[in-house]
Full PDB file with SEQRES, HELIX, SHEET, SSBOND, CRYST1, ORIGX, SCALE, CONECT and MASTER records, all heavy atoms in Angstrom:
SEQRES   1 A   39  GLN PHE TRP PHE ASP ALA TRP ALA GLU ALA GLU PRO LEU          
SEQRES   2 A   39  ALA ASN ARG PHE PRO ARG ILE PHE SER ASN SER LEU GLN          
SEQRES   3 A   39  LYS SER SER VAL LEU ALA ASN MET GLY HIS TRP SER ARG          
HELIX    1 AA1 LEU A   13  ARG A   16  1                                   4    
HELIX    2 AA2 PRO A   18  SER A   22  1                                   5    
HELIX    3 AA3 LEU A   31  MET A   34  5                                   4    
CRYST1    1.000    1.000    1.000  90.00  90.00  90.00 P 1           1          
ORIGX1      1.000000  0.000000  0.000000        0.00000                         
ORIGX2      0.000000  1.000000  0.000000        0.00000                         
ORIGX3      0.000000  0.000000  1.000000        0.00000                         
SCALE1      1.000000  0.000000  0.000000        0.00000                         
SCALE2      0.000000  1.000000  0.000000        0.00000                         
SCALE3      0.000000  0.000000  1.000000        0.00000                         
ATOM      1  N   GLN A   1       0.145  -9.304 -15.261  1.00  0.00           N  
ATOM      2  CA  GLN A   1      -0.209  -9.429 -16.663  1.00  0.00           C  
ATOM      3  C   GLN A   1      -1.024 -10.696 -16.858  1.00  0.00           C  
ATOM      4  O   GLN A   1      -0.568 -11.800 -16.535  1.00  0.00           O  
ATOM      5  CB  GLN A   1       1.045  -9.455 -17.532  1.00  0.00           C  
ATOM      6  CG  GLN A   1       1.824  -8.149 -17.499  1.00  0.00           C  
ATOM      7  CD  GLN A   1       3.000  -8.157 -18.441  1.00  0.00           C  
ATOM      8  OE1 GLN A   1       3.250  -9.137 -19.129  1.00  0.00           O  
ATOM      9  NE2 GLN A   1       3.732  -7.064 -18.476  1.00  0.00           N  
ATOM     10  N   PHE A   2      -2.232 -10.525 -17.384  1.00  0.00           N  
ATOM     11  CA  PHE A   2      -3.166 -11.634 -17.500  1.00  0.00           C  
ATOM     12  C   PHE A   2      -2.598 -12.788 -18.300  1.00  0.00           C  
ATOM     13  O   PHE A   2      -2.695 -13.948 -17.904  1.00  0.00           O  
ATOM     14  CB  PHE A   2      -4.465 -11.139 -18.147  1.00  0.00           C  
ATOM     15  CG  PHE A   2      -5.489 -12.223 -18.351  1.00  0.00           C  
ATOM     16  CD1 PHE A   2      -6.325 -12.607 -17.317  1.00  0.00           C  
ATOM     17  CD2 PHE A   2      -5.611 -12.860 -19.581  1.00  0.00           C  
ATOM     18  CE1 PHE A   2      -7.265 -13.618 -17.500  1.00  0.00           C  
ATOM     19  CE2 PHE A   2      -6.554 -13.870 -19.773  1.00  0.00           C  
ATOM     20  CZ  PHE A   2      -7.382 -14.242 -18.732  1.00  0.00           C  
ATOM     21  N   TRP A   3      -1.963 -12.502 -19.440  1.00  0.00           N  
ATOM     22  CA  TRP A   3      -1.504 -13.557 -20.341  1.00  0.00           C  
ATOM     23  C   TRP A   3      -0.095 -14.039 -20.032  1.00  0.00           C  
ATOM     24  O   TRP A   3       0.229 -15.202 -20.261  1.00  0.00           O  
ATOM     25  CB  TRP A   3      -1.558 -13.077 -21.789  1.00  0.00           C  
ATOM     26  CG  TRP A   3      -2.949 -12.954 -22.338  1.00  0.00           C  
ATOM     27  CD1 TRP A   3      -3.657 -11.810 -22.569  1.00  0.00           C  
ATOM     28  CD2 TRP A   3      -3.824 -14.034 -22.709  1.00  0.00           C  
ATOM     29  NE1 TRP A   3      -4.905 -12.093 -23.058  1.00  0.00           N  
ATOM     30  CE2 TRP A   3      -5.034 -13.456 -23.164  1.00  0.00           C  
ATOM     31  CE3 TRP A   3      -3.700 -15.425 -22.712  1.00  0.00           C  
ATOM     32  CZ2 TRP A   3      -6.110 -14.229 -23.609  1.00  0.00           C  
ATOM     33  CZ3 TRP A   3      -4.762 -16.191 -23.157  1.00  0.00           C  
ATOM     34  CH2 TRP A   3      -5.955 -15.591 -23.597  1.00  0.00           C  
ATOM     35  N   PHE A   4       0.781 -13.167 -19.529  1.00  0.00           N  
ATOM     36  CA  PHE A   4       2.200 -13.496 -19.443  1.00  0.00           C  
ATOM     37  C   PHE A   4       2.665 -13.941 -18.056  1.00  0.00           C  
ATOM     38  O   PHE A   4       3.738 -14.523 -17.937  1.00  0.00           O  
ATOM     39  CB  PHE A   4       3.051 -12.310 -19.903  1.00  0.00           C  
ATOM     40  CG  PHE A   4       2.877 -11.986 -21.361  1.00  0.00           C  
ATOM     41  CD1 PHE A   4       2.250 -10.813 -21.754  1.00  0.00           C  
ATOM     42  CD2 PHE A   4       3.329 -12.855 -22.327  1.00  0.00           C  
ATOM     43  CE1 PHE A   4       2.078 -10.518 -23.100  1.00  0.00           C  
ATOM     44  CE2 PHE A   4       3.165 -12.568 -23.675  1.00  0.00           C  
ATOM     45  CZ  PHE A   4       2.537 -11.396 -24.060  1.00  0.00           C  
ATOM     46  N   ASP A   5       1.913 -13.656 -17.008  1.00  0.00           N  
ATOM     47  CA  ASP A   5       2.300 -14.066 -15.667  1.00  0.00           C  
ATOM     48  C   ASP A   5       1.611 -15.374 -15.293  1.00  0.00           C  
ATOM     49  O   ASP A   5       0.446 -15.587 -15.634  1.00  0.00           O  
ATOM     50  CB  ASP A   5       1.948 -12.985 -14.637  1.00  0.00           C  
ATOM     51  CG  ASP A   5       2.855 -11.773 -14.759  1.00  0.00           C  
ATOM     52  OD1 ASP A   5       4.023 -11.953 -15.127  1.00  0.00           O  
ATOM     53  OD2 ASP A   5       2.397 -10.647 -14.482  1.00  0.00           O  
ATOM     54  N   ALA A   6       2.341 -16.233 -14.587  1.00  0.00           N  
ATOM     55  CA  ALA A   6       1.795 -17.536 -14.198  1.00  0.00           C  
ATOM     56  C   ALA A   6       0.980 -17.399 -12.912  1.00  0.00           C  
ATOM     57  O   ALA A   6       1.306 -17.992 -11.891  1.00  0.00           O  
ATOM     58  CB  ALA A   6       2.924 -18.535 -14.018  1.00  0.00           C  
ATOM     59  N   TRP A   7      -0.089 -16.621 -12.973  1.00  0.00           N  
ATOM     60  CA  TRP A   7      -0.892 -16.363 -11.778  1.00  0.00           C  
ATOM     61  C   TRP A   7      -1.981 -17.415 -11.581  1.00  0.00           C  
ATOM     62  O   TRP A   7      -2.465 -17.621 -10.466  1.00  0.00           O  
ATOM     63  CB  TRP A   7      -1.557 -14.987 -11.885  1.00  0.00           C  
ATOM     64  CG  TRP A   7      -2.517 -14.861 -13.038  1.00  0.00           C  
ATOM     65  CD1 TRP A   7      -2.208 -14.500 -14.317  1.00  0.00           C  
ATOM     66  CD2 TRP A   7      -3.920 -15.100 -13.016  1.00  0.00           C  
ATOM     67  NE1 TRP A   7      -3.318 -14.514 -15.109  1.00  0.00           N  
ATOM     68  CE2 TRP A   7      -4.404 -14.866 -14.333  1.00  0.00           C  
ATOM     69  CE3 TRP A   7      -4.830 -15.498 -12.029  1.00  0.00           C  
ATOM     70  CZ2 TRP A   7      -5.745 -15.022 -14.669  1.00  0.00           C  
ATOM     71  CZ3 TRP A   7      -6.169 -15.650 -12.368  1.00  0.00           C  
ATOM     72  CH2 TRP A   7      -6.613 -15.409 -13.678  1.00  0.00           C  
ATOM     73  N   ALA A   8      -2.392 -18.112 -12.639  1.00  0.00           N  
ATOM     74  CA  ALA A   8      -3.492 -19.075 -12.548  1.00  0.00           C  
ATOM     75  C   ALA A   8      -2.979 -20.500 -12.414  1.00  0.00           C  
ATOM     76  O   ALA A   8      -3.536 -21.297 -11.661  1.00  0.00           O  
ATOM     77  CB  ALA A   8      -4.397 -18.969 -13.771  1.00  0.00           C  
ATOM     78  N   GLU A   9      -1.923 -20.830 -13.154  1.00  0.00           N  
ATOM     79  CA  GLU A   9      -1.346 -22.166 -13.106  1.00  0.00           C  
ATOM     80  C   GLU A   9       0.164 -22.058 -13.130  1.00  0.00           C  
ATOM     81  O   GLU A   9       0.720 -20.971 -12.967  1.00  0.00           O  
ATOM     82  CB  GLU A   9      -1.864 -23.028 -14.266  1.00  0.00           C  
ATOM     83  CG  GLU A   9      -3.288 -23.520 -14.062  1.00  0.00           C  
ATOM     84  CD  GLU A   9      -3.609 -24.700 -14.966  1.00  0.00           C  
ATOM     85  OE1 GLU A   9      -2.795 -25.004 -15.849  1.00  0.00           O  
ATOM     86  OE2 GLU A   9      -4.669 -25.308 -14.776  1.00  0.00           O  
ATOM     87  N   ALA A  10       0.830 -23.179 -13.359  1.00  0.00           N  
ATOM     88  CA  ALA A  10       2.289 -23.199 -13.312  1.00  0.00           C  
ATOM     89  C   ALA A  10       2.926 -22.497 -14.498  1.00  0.00           C  
ATOM     90  O   ALA A  10       4.107 -22.163 -14.458  1.00  0.00           O  
ATOM     91  CB  ALA A  10       2.788 -24.643 -13.237  1.00  0.00           C  
ATOM     92  N   GLU A  11       2.178 -22.266 -15.559  1.00  0.00           N  
ATOM     93  CA  GLU A  11       2.707 -21.573 -16.724  1.00  0.00           C  
ATOM     94  C   GLU A  11       1.737 -20.481 -17.154  1.00  0.00           C  
ATOM     95  O   GLU A  11       0.544 -20.529 -16.838  1.00  0.00           O  
ATOM     96  CB  GLU A  11       2.954 -22.559 -17.867  1.00  0.00           C  
ATOM     97  CG  GLU A  11       1.696 -23.250 -18.365  1.00  0.00           C  
ATOM     98  CD  GLU A  11       1.986 -24.178 -19.530  1.00  0.00           C  
ATOM     99  OE1 GLU A  11       2.964 -23.911 -20.263  1.00  0.00           O  
ATOM    100  OE2 GLU A  11       1.238 -25.141 -19.726  1.00  0.00           O  
ATOM    101  N   PRO A  12       2.230 -19.465 -17.864  1.00  0.00           N  
ATOM    102  CA  PRO A  12       1.358 -18.385 -18.299  1.00  0.00           C  
ATOM    103  C   PRO A  12       0.259 -18.881 -19.227  1.00  0.00           C  
ATOM    104  O   PRO A  12       0.429 -19.871 -19.952  1.00  0.00           O  
ATOM    105  CB  PRO A  12       2.322 -17.441 -19.049  1.00  0.00           C  
ATOM    106  CG  PRO A  12       3.675 -17.767 -18.499  1.00  0.00           C  
ATOM    107  CD  PRO A  12       3.648 -19.227 -18.203  1.00  0.00           C  
ATOM    108  N   LEU A  13      -0.864 -18.181 -19.237  1.00  0.00           N  
ATOM    109  CA  LEU A  13      -1.975 -18.560 -20.099  1.00  0.00           C  
ATOM    110  C   LEU A  13      -1.601 -18.459 -21.573  1.00  0.00           C  
ATOM    111  O   LEU A  13      -2.123 -19.201 -22.405  1.00  0.00           O  
ATOM    112  CB  LEU A  13      -3.183 -17.669 -19.805  1.00  0.00           C  
ATOM    113  CG  LEU A  13      -3.796 -17.807 -18.413  1.00  0.00           C  
ATOM    114  CD1 LEU A  13      -4.969 -16.840 -18.257  1.00  0.00           C  
ATOM    115  CD2 LEU A  13      -4.245 -19.227 -18.147  1.00  0.00           C  
ATOM    116  N   ALA A  14      -0.699 -17.539 -21.905  1.00  0.00           N  
ATOM    117  CA  ALA A  14      -0.278 -17.398 -23.304  1.00  0.00           C  
ATOM    118  C   ALA A  14       0.418 -18.654 -23.806  1.00  0.00           C  
ATOM    119  O   ALA A  14       0.326 -18.997 -24.992  1.00  0.00           O  
ATOM    120  CB  ALA A  14       0.645 -16.191 -23.451  1.00  0.00           C  
ATOM    121  N   ASN A  15       1.112 -19.363 -22.913  1.00  0.00           N  
ATOM    122  CA  ASN A  15       1.774 -20.615 -23.288  1.00  0.00           C  
ATOM    123  C   ASN A  15       0.810 -21.785 -23.274  1.00  0.00           C  
ATOM    124  O   ASN A  15       0.888 -22.683 -24.110  1.00  0.00           O  
ATOM    125  CB  ASN A  15       2.931 -20.903 -22.326  1.00  0.00           C  
ATOM    126  CG  ASN A  15       4.041 -19.875 -22.425  1.00  0.00           C  
ATOM    127  OD1 ASN A  15       4.061 -19.055 -23.328  1.00  0.00           O  
ATOM    128  ND2 ASN A  15       4.957 -19.907 -21.486  1.00  0.00           N  
ATOM    129  N   ARG A  16      -0.112 -21.763 -22.332  1.00  0.00           N  
ATOM    130  CA  ARG A  16      -1.052 -22.879 -22.198  1.00  0.00           C  
ATOM    131  C   ARG A  16      -2.091 -22.859 -23.313  1.00  0.00           C  
ATOM    132  O   ARG A  16      -2.497 -23.902 -23.815  1.00  0.00           O  
ATOM    133  CB  ARG A  16      -1.742 -22.767 -20.832  1.00  0.00           C  
ATOM    134  CG  ARG A  16      -2.840 -23.801 -20.583  1.00  0.00           C  
ATOM    135  CD  ARG A  16      -2.283 -25.160 -20.251  1.00  0.00           C  
ATOM    136  NE  ARG A  16      -3.326 -26.149 -20.146  1.00  0.00           N  
ATOM    137  CZ  ARG A  16      -4.117 -26.307 -19.085  1.00  0.00           C  
ATOM    138  NH1 ARG A  16      -3.947 -25.525 -18.021  1.00  0.00           N  
ATOM    139  NH2 ARG A  16      -5.045 -27.242 -19.072  1.00  0.00           N  
ATOM    140  N   PHE A  17      -2.532 -21.670 -23.708  1.00  0.00           N  
ATOM    141  CA  PHE A  17      -3.563 -21.549 -24.741  1.00  0.00           C  
ATOM    142  C   PHE A  17      -3.106 -20.582 -25.845  1.00  0.00           C  
ATOM    143  O   PHE A  17      -3.620 -19.467 -25.957  1.00  0.00           O  
ATOM    144  CB  PHE A  17      -4.873 -21.036 -24.121  1.00  0.00           C  
ATOM    145  CG  PHE A  17      -5.452 -21.947 -23.086  1.00  0.00           C  
ATOM    146  CD1 PHE A  17      -5.234 -21.706 -21.742  1.00  0.00           C  
ATOM    147  CD2 PHE A  17      -6.215 -23.046 -23.455  1.00  0.00           C  
ATOM    148  CE1 PHE A  17      -5.776 -22.544 -20.772  1.00  0.00           C  
ATOM    149  CE2 PHE A  17      -6.762 -23.891 -22.496  1.00  0.00           C  
ATOM    150  CZ  PHE A  17      -6.538 -23.641 -21.146  1.00  0.00           C  
ATOM    151  N   PRO A  18      -2.125 -20.974 -26.636  1.00  0.00           N  
ATOM    152  CA  PRO A  18      -1.586 -20.060 -27.663  1.00  0.00           C  
ATOM    153  C   PRO A  18      -2.628 -19.652 -28.705  1.00  0.00           C  
ATOM    154  O   PRO A  18      -2.597 -18.528 -29.203  1.00  0.00           O  
ATOM    155  CB  PRO A  18      -0.450 -20.877 -28.286  1.00  0.00           C  
ATOM    156  CG  PRO A  18      -0.782 -22.306 -27.985  1.00  0.00           C  
ATOM    157  CD  PRO A  18      -1.447 -22.288 -26.655  1.00  0.00           C  
ATOM    158  N   ARG A  19      -3.559 -20.546 -29.058  1.00  0.00           N  
ATOM    159  CA  ARG A  19      -4.590 -20.219 -30.043  1.00  0.00           C  
ATOM    160  C   ARG A  19      -5.523 -19.135 -29.516  1.00  0.00           C  
ATOM    161  O   ARG A  19      -5.870 -18.193 -30.222  1.00  0.00           O  
ATOM    162  CB  ARG A  19      -5.380 -21.488 -30.409  1.00  0.00           C  
ATOM    163  CG  ARG A  19      -6.620 -21.249 -31.265  1.00  0.00           C  
ATOM    164  CD  ARG A  19      -6.283 -20.628 -32.608  1.00  0.00           C  
ATOM    165  NE  ARG A  19      -5.378 -21.464 -33.376  1.00  0.00           N  
ATOM    166  CZ  ARG A  19      -4.939 -21.142 -34.591  1.00  0.00           C  
ATOM    167  NH1 ARG A  19      -5.302 -19.997 -35.141  1.00  0.00           N  
ATOM    168  NH2 ARG A  19      -4.130 -21.958 -35.248  1.00  0.00           N  
ATOM    169  N   ILE A  20      -5.935 -19.252 -28.264  1.00  0.00           N  
ATOM    170  CA  ILE A  20      -6.805 -18.246 -27.651  1.00  0.00           C  
ATOM    171  C   ILE A  20      -6.065 -16.919 -27.531  1.00  0.00           C  
ATOM    172  O   ILE A  20      -6.611 -15.853 -27.824  1.00  0.00           O  
ATOM    173  CB  ILE A  20      -7.276 -18.720 -26.267  1.00  0.00           C  
ATOM    174  CG1 ILE A  20      -7.913 -20.102 -26.356  1.00  0.00           C  
ATOM    175  CG2 ILE A  20      -8.251 -17.721 -25.656  1.00  0.00           C  
ATOM    176  CD1 ILE A  20      -9.125 -20.170 -27.243  1.00  0.00           C  
ATOM    177  N   PHE A  21      -4.813 -17.002 -27.126  1.00  0.00           N  
ATOM    178  CA  PHE A  21      -3.999 -15.799 -26.959  1.00  0.00           C  
ATOM    179  C   PHE A  21      -3.836 -15.046 -28.273  1.00  0.00           C  
ATOM    180  O   PHE A  21      -3.914 -13.813 -28.312  1.00  0.00           O  
ATOM    181  CB  PHE A  21      -2.631 -16.186 -26.390  1.00  0.00           C  
ATOM    182  CG  PHE A  21      -1.633 -15.069 -26.408  1.00  0.00           C  
ATOM    183  CD1 PHE A  21      -1.765 -13.977 -25.556  1.00  0.00           C  
ATOM    184  CD2 PHE A  21      -0.558 -15.100 -27.287  1.00  0.00           C  
ATOM    185  CE1 PHE A  21      -0.839 -12.940 -25.578  1.00  0.00           C  
ATOM    186  CE2 PHE A  21       0.368 -14.079 -27.311  1.00  0.00           C  
ATOM    187  CZ  PHE A  21       0.221 -12.999 -26.454  1.00  0.00           C  
ATOM    188  N   SER A  22      -3.631 -15.765 -29.368  1.00  0.00           N  
ATOM    189  CA  SER A  22      -3.394 -15.119 -30.666  1.00  0.00           C  
ATOM    190  C   SER A  22      -4.610 -14.321 -31.141  1.00  0.00           C  
ATOM    191  O   SER A  22      -4.469 -13.396 -31.931  1.00  0.00           O  
ATOM    192  CB  SER A  22      -3.011 -16.171 -31.717  1.00  0.00           C  
ATOM    193  OG  SER A  22      -4.104 -17.051 -31.965  1.00  0.00           O  
ATOM    194  N   ASN A  23      -5.795 -14.673 -30.649  1.00  0.00           N  
ATOM    195  CA  ASN A  23      -7.013 -13.983 -31.084  1.00  0.00           C  
ATOM    196  C   ASN A  23      -7.430 -12.871 -30.128  1.00  0.00           C  
ATOM    197  O   ASN A  23      -8.456 -12.219 -30.325  1.00  0.00           O  
ATOM    198  CB  ASN A  23      -8.163 -14.996 -31.214  1.00  0.00           C  
ATOM    199  CG  ASN A  23      -9.331 -14.443 -32.007  1.00  0.00           C  
ATOM    200  OD1 ASN A  23      -9.164 -13.578 -32.868  1.00  0.00           O  
ATOM    201  ND2 ASN A  23     -10.534 -14.922 -31.714  1.00  0.00           N  
ATOM    202  N   SER A  24      -6.647 -12.648 -29.091  1.00  0.00           N  
ATOM    203  CA  SER A  24      -7.007 -11.655 -28.090  1.00  0.00           C  
ATOM    204  C   SER A  24      -6.581 -10.247 -28.499  1.00  0.00           C  
ATOM    205  O   SER A  24      -5.519 -10.052 -29.098  1.00  0.00           O  
ATOM    206  CB  SER A  24      -6.357 -12.009 -26.746  1.00  0.00           C  
ATOM    207  OG  SER A  24      -6.598 -10.996 -25.790  1.00  0.00           O  
ATOM    208  N   LEU A  25      -7.423  -9.276 -28.161  1.00  0.00           N  
ATOM    209  CA  LEU A  25      -7.077  -7.858 -28.345  1.00  0.00           C  
ATOM    210  C   LEU A  25      -6.513  -7.256 -27.059  1.00  0.00           C  
ATOM    211  O   LEU A  25      -6.268  -6.060 -26.992  1.00  0.00           O  
ATOM    212  CB  LEU A  25      -8.321  -7.061 -28.766  1.00  0.00           C  
ATOM    213  CG  LEU A  25      -8.778  -7.215 -30.219  1.00  0.00           C  
ATOM    214  CD1 LEU A  25     -10.089  -6.459 -30.430  1.00  0.00           C  
ATOM    215  CD2 LEU A  25      -7.708  -6.694 -31.175  1.00  0.00           C  
ATOM    216  N   GLN A  26      -6.316  -8.108 -26.048  1.00  0.00           N  
ATOM    217  CA  GLN A  26      -5.876  -7.634 -24.730  1.00  0.00           C  
ATOM    218  C   GLN A  26      -4.562  -8.299 -24.318  1.00  0.00           C  
ATOM    219  O   GLN A  26      -4.362  -8.602 -23.157  1.00  0.00           O  
ATOM    220  CB  GLN A  26      -6.966  -7.940 -23.700  1.00  0.00           C  
ATOM    221  CG  GLN A  26      -8.311  -7.305 -24.024  1.00  0.00           C  
ATOM    222  CD  GLN A  26      -9.455  -7.993 -23.304  1.00  0.00           C  
ATOM    223  OE1 GLN A  26      -9.795  -9.129 -23.635  1.00  0.00           O  
ATOM    224  NE2 GLN A  26     -10.035  -7.309 -22.328  1.00  0.00           N  
ATOM    225  N   LYS A  27      -3.679  -8.473 -25.262  1.00  0.00           N  
ATOM    226  CA  LYS A  27      -2.435  -9.213 -25.001  1.00  0.00           C  
ATOM    227  C   LYS A  27      -1.583  -8.577 -23.909  1.00  0.00           C  
ATOM    228  O   LYS A  27      -0.912  -9.271 -23.152  1.00  0.00           O  
ATOM    229  CB  LYS A  27      -1.621  -9.330 -26.295  1.00  0.00           C  
ATOM    230  CG  LYS A  27      -2.224 -10.271 -27.336  1.00  0.00           C  
ATOM    231  CD  LYS A  27      -1.316 -10.386 -28.536  1.00  0.00           C  
ATOM    232  CE  LYS A  27      -1.808 -11.452 -29.528  1.00  0.00           C  
ATOM    233  NZ  LYS A  27      -3.115 -11.086 -30.111  1.00  0.00           N  
ATOM    234  N   SER A  28      -1.581  -7.265 -23.810  1.00  0.00           N  
ATOM    235  CA  SER A  28      -0.733  -6.592 -22.823  1.00  0.00           C  
ATOM    236  C   SER A  28      -1.511  -6.125 -21.598  1.00  0.00           C  
ATOM    237  O   SER A  28      -0.978  -5.382 -20.774  1.00  0.00           O  
ATOM    238  CB  SER A  28      -0.028  -5.393 -23.479  1.00  0.00           C  
ATOM    239  OG  SER A  28      -0.990  -4.467 -23.985  1.00  0.00           O  
ATOM    240  N   SER A  29      -2.745  -6.558 -21.460  1.00  0.00           N  
ATOM    241  CA  SER A  29      -3.595  -6.073 -20.364  1.00  0.00           C  
ATOM    242  C   SER A  29      -3.233  -6.736 -19.036  1.00  0.00           C  
ATOM    243  O   SER A  29      -2.836  -7.895 -18.986  1.00  0.00           O  
ATOM    244  CB  SER A  29      -5.073  -6.351 -20.667  1.00  0.00           C  
ATOM    245  OG  SER A  29      -5.517  -5.577 -21.757  1.00  0.00           O  
ATOM    246  N   VAL A  30      -3.397  -5.962 -17.973  1.00  0.00           N  
ATOM    247  CA  VAL A  30      -3.229  -6.519 -16.637  1.00  0.00           C  
ATOM    248  C   VAL A  30      -4.546  -7.161 -16.209  1.00  0.00           C  
ATOM    249  O   VAL A  30      -5.603  -6.932 -16.810  1.00  0.00           O  
ATOM    250  CB  VAL A  30      -2.810  -5.435 -15.628  1.00  0.00           C  
ATOM    251  CG1 VAL A  30      -1.439  -4.891 -15.969  1.00  0.00           C  
ATOM    252  CG2 VAL A  30      -3.841  -4.314 -15.568  1.00  0.00           C  
ATOM    253  N   LEU A  31      -4.485  -7.955 -15.175  1.00  0.00           N  
ATOM    254  CA  LEU A  31      -5.650  -8.711 -14.730  1.00  0.00           C  
ATOM    255  C   LEU A  31      -6.836  -7.806 -14.405  1.00  0.00           C  
ATOM    256  O   LEU A  31      -7.990  -8.130 -14.719  1.00  0.00           O  
ATOM    257  CB  LEU A  31      -5.262  -9.544 -13.501  1.00  0.00           C  
ATOM    258  CG  LEU A  31      -6.306 -10.486 -12.924  1.00  0.00           C  
ATOM    259  CD1 LEU A  31      -6.762 -11.498 -13.968  1.00  0.00           C  
ATOM    260  CD2 LEU A  31      -5.745 -11.198 -11.706  1.00  0.00           C  
ATOM    261  N   ALA A  32      -6.576  -6.661 -13.800  1.00  0.00           N  
ATOM    262  CA  ALA A  32      -7.650  -5.765 -13.381  1.00  0.00           C  
ATOM    263  C   ALA A  32      -8.452  -5.210 -14.553  1.00  0.00           C  
ATOM    264  O   ALA A  32      -9.618  -4.836 -14.384  1.00  0.00           O  
ATOM    265  CB  ALA A  32      -7.078  -4.608 -12.565  1.00  0.00           C  
ATOM    266  N   ASN A  33      -7.845  -5.170 -15.741  1.00  0.00           N  
ATOM    267  CA  ASN A  33      -8.521  -4.602 -16.911  1.00  0.00           C  
ATOM    268  C   ASN A  33      -9.227  -5.663 -17.758  1.00  0.00           C  
ATOM    269  O   ASN A  33      -9.737  -5.343 -18.829  1.00  0.00           O  
ATOM    270  CB  ASN A  33      -7.517  -3.848 -17.782  1.00  0.00           C  
ATOM    271  CG  ASN A  33      -6.956  -2.626 -17.088  1.00  0.00           C  
ATOM    272  OD1 ASN A  33      -7.578  -2.083 -16.177  1.00  0.00           O  
ATOM    273  ND2 ASN A  33      -5.774  -2.196 -17.505  1.00  0.00           N  
ATOM    274  N   MET A  34      -9.257  -6.890 -17.270  1.00  0.00           N  
ATOM    275  CA  MET A  34      -9.881  -7.961 -18.035  1.00  0.00           C  
ATOM    276  C   MET A  34     -11.333  -8.203 -17.625  1.00  0.00           C  
ATOM    277  O   MET A  34     -11.955  -9.161 -18.085  1.00  0.00           O  
ATOM    278  CB  MET A  34      -9.080  -9.256 -17.864  1.00  0.00           C  
ATOM    279  CG  MET A  34      -7.665  -9.191 -18.408  1.00  0.00           C  
ATOM    280  SD  MET A  34      -7.603  -8.950 -20.199  1.00  0.00           S  
ATOM    281  CE  MET A  34      -8.237 -10.522 -20.785  1.00  0.00           C  
ATOM    282  N   GLY A  35     -11.866  -7.354 -16.787  1.00  0.00           N  
ATOM    283  CA  GLY A  35     -13.260  -7.510 -16.367  1.00  0.00           C  
ATOM    284  C   GLY A  35     -13.648  -6.426 -15.381  1.00  0.00           C  
ATOM    285  O   GLY A  35     -12.971  -5.407 -15.250  1.00  0.00           O  
ATOM    286  N   HIS A  36     -14.735  -6.659 -14.653  1.00  0.00           N  
ATOM    287  CA  HIS A  36     -15.202  -5.676 -13.675  1.00  0.00           C  
ATOM    288  C   HIS A  36     -16.051  -6.380 -12.621  1.00  0.00           C  
ATOM    289  O   HIS A  36     -16.520  -7.501 -12.811  1.00  0.00           O  
ATOM    290  CB  HIS A  36     -16.029  -4.585 -14.370  1.00  0.00           C  
ATOM    291  CG  HIS A  36     -17.291  -5.104 -14.997  1.00  0.00           C  
ATOM    292  ND1 HIS A  36     -17.291  -5.714 -16.239  1.00  0.00           N  
ATOM    293  CD2 HIS A  36     -18.575  -5.140 -14.556  1.00  0.00           C  
ATOM    294  CE1 HIS A  36     -18.517  -6.091 -16.545  1.00  0.00           C  
ATOM    295  NE2 HIS A  36     -19.317  -5.766 -15.535  1.00  0.00           N  
ATOM    296  N   TRP A  37     -16.252  -5.683 -11.514  1.00  0.00           N  
ATOM    297  CA  TRP A  37     -17.083  -6.222 -10.443  1.00  0.00           C  
ATOM    298  C   TRP A  37     -18.534  -5.805 -10.656  1.00  0.00           C  
ATOM    299  O   TRP A  37     -18.825  -4.655 -10.980  1.00  0.00           O  
ATOM    300  CB  TRP A  37     -16.617  -5.716  -9.082  1.00  0.00           C  
ATOM    301  CG  TRP A  37     -15.327  -6.332  -8.632  1.00  0.00           C  
ATOM    302  CD1 TRP A  37     -14.083  -5.775  -8.705  1.00  0.00           C  
ATOM    303  CD2 TRP A  37     -15.165  -7.625  -8.042  1.00  0.00           C  
ATOM    304  NE1 TRP A  37     -13.142  -6.635  -8.207  1.00  0.00           N  
ATOM    305  CE2 TRP A  37     -13.785  -7.792  -7.787  1.00  0.00           C  
ATOM    306  CE3 TRP A  37     -16.032  -8.658  -7.714  1.00  0.00           C  
ATOM    307  CZ2 TRP A  37     -13.263  -8.938  -7.224  1.00  0.00           C  
ATOM    308  CZ3 TRP A  37     -15.522  -9.807  -7.147  1.00  0.00           C  
ATOM    309  CH2 TRP A  37     -14.147  -9.944  -6.895  1.00  0.00           C  
ATOM    310  N   SER A  38     -19.416  -6.754 -10.487  1.00  0.00           N  
ATOM    311  CA  SER A  38     -20.843  -6.471 -10.605  1.00  0.00           C  
ATOM    312  C   SER A  38     -21.578  -7.241  -9.509  1.00  0.00           C  
ATOM    313  O   SER A  38     -21.570  -8.478  -9.500  1.00  0.00           O  
ATOM    314  CB  SER A  38     -21.364  -6.902 -11.991  1.00  0.00           C  
ATOM    315  OG  SER A  38     -22.763  -6.712 -12.089  1.00  0.00           O  
ATOM    316  N   ARG A  39     -22.182  -6.500  -8.579  1.00  0.00           N  
ATOM    317  CA  ARG A  39     -22.898  -7.107  -7.454  1.00  0.00           C  
ATOM    318  C   ARG A  39     -22.019  -8.104  -6.711  1.00  0.00           C  
ATOM    319  O   ARG A  39     -22.401  -9.240  -6.454  1.00  0.00           O  
ATOM    320  CB  ARG A  39     -24.185  -7.781  -7.939  1.00  0.00           C  
ATOM    321  CG  ARG A  39     -25.187  -6.800  -8.557  1.00  0.00           C  
ATOM    322  CD  ARG A  39     -26.440  -7.522  -9.023  1.00  0.00           C  
ATOM    323  NE  ARG A  39     -27.378  -6.570  -9.623  1.00  0.00           N  
ATOM    324  CZ  ARG A  39     -28.556  -6.927 -10.127  1.00  0.00           C  
ATOM    325  NH1 ARG A  39     -28.931  -8.215 -10.099  1.00  0.00           N  
ATOM    326  NH2 ARG A  39     -29.354  -6.025 -10.651  1.00  0.00           N  
TER     327      ARG A  39                                                      
MASTER        0    0    0    3    0    0    0    6  326    1    0    3          
END                                                                             
């Protein structure tokens, strides 16, 4: 889970950046659905 799992740092992104998280439409999205591969 992009926002709730501590995959990037010691704490989840939702805790580190609550303001950014509150404006997201992808709160329950997994990491794979947050972008795509291009070249």
